[in-house]
Amino acid sequence: MPKIPVEIVCCSVDDCLEAHAGGADRIELCGAITVGGLTPSIGTLIEAKRRMPLPIVSMVRPRGAGFAYTDAEYATMLADAEQLMAHGSNGLVFGVLKEDGTLDAARMKQLVELCGSEDKVCHRCFDVVPNPEDTLEQLIDLGITRLLTSGQRAFASDGAPLIKKLVEQAAGRIEILPAGGLRMHNVVEFLKETGCYCVHLAPFLEQTDPSTLGNPEIEYAPTSLPKESVFHLIDRQQVVEVVKLANGAA
């Protein structure tokens, strides 16, 4: 049986190194995971490519809180996309919607064209579109390589029925990449249930940076975000185990 690719979300060069050491097949590189991921820095992409060999697809998302962008935000996306591709990204991860939640096909087409022959990935903006079946056909017509989705539910395990339908509808024309809460305890059953042949996860562990502990009163972000002493790093061992389990299920 062919190997099931495991894609890991990474927000730093150290994340990429841990994912590679754990046996991941591909990296989705982004920043600001606390808001669902934003465009990463060019420096992060350059250094990650220098230090490890895995293919990297880079997110293009100018802000959190939805996917209907102003002209200025969209212009920023195009500029970021050009720079990411120029500095070695193996594709882009993006999604643009209209205010009614339907796909903005014209803007999506421009981003697809910027990818050239590299991967074109529609991210989980798909999980809020009003008609997923019709949107899937739009994405195929646009030339999207992969669709990242939790099946329009908070967790992929709950969205498994729709994901299975999407895999069947896609019929090999586009890769359905499941995401959202897939871990060691559920990945084998999920792959068998849905017929997916790839998996995406973000197995982060909390880490402590002690440099701010001398003055815990100071915070640089809204209080809903983690404390300044806390950051996240990919859990290498979880990557190891998921790669092993996913391919044992193949």
Foldseek 3Di string as FASTA:
>chain_A
DDAQAEEAEDAALLQLVLLVVLPHQEYEYFHDCVQPGAFHDLVRVLVNVVPDPHAYAYEHHQDHDAAADDPVSLVSSLVSLLSNVVRRHQYYEGFHAHPVLHGPLVSLLSSVVSNPPGAAEYEASLLRHPDNLVNLVSCLVSVHAEYEYLLNDQHVVVNLVSLLVSCVSCVPSHAYEYEHPDFLVPLLVSCVSRVHRYYYYHAKDKDFDCPCVVPQVDDDDPPVDDGPGIDIHHDSNRSNSSSVSSRVSD
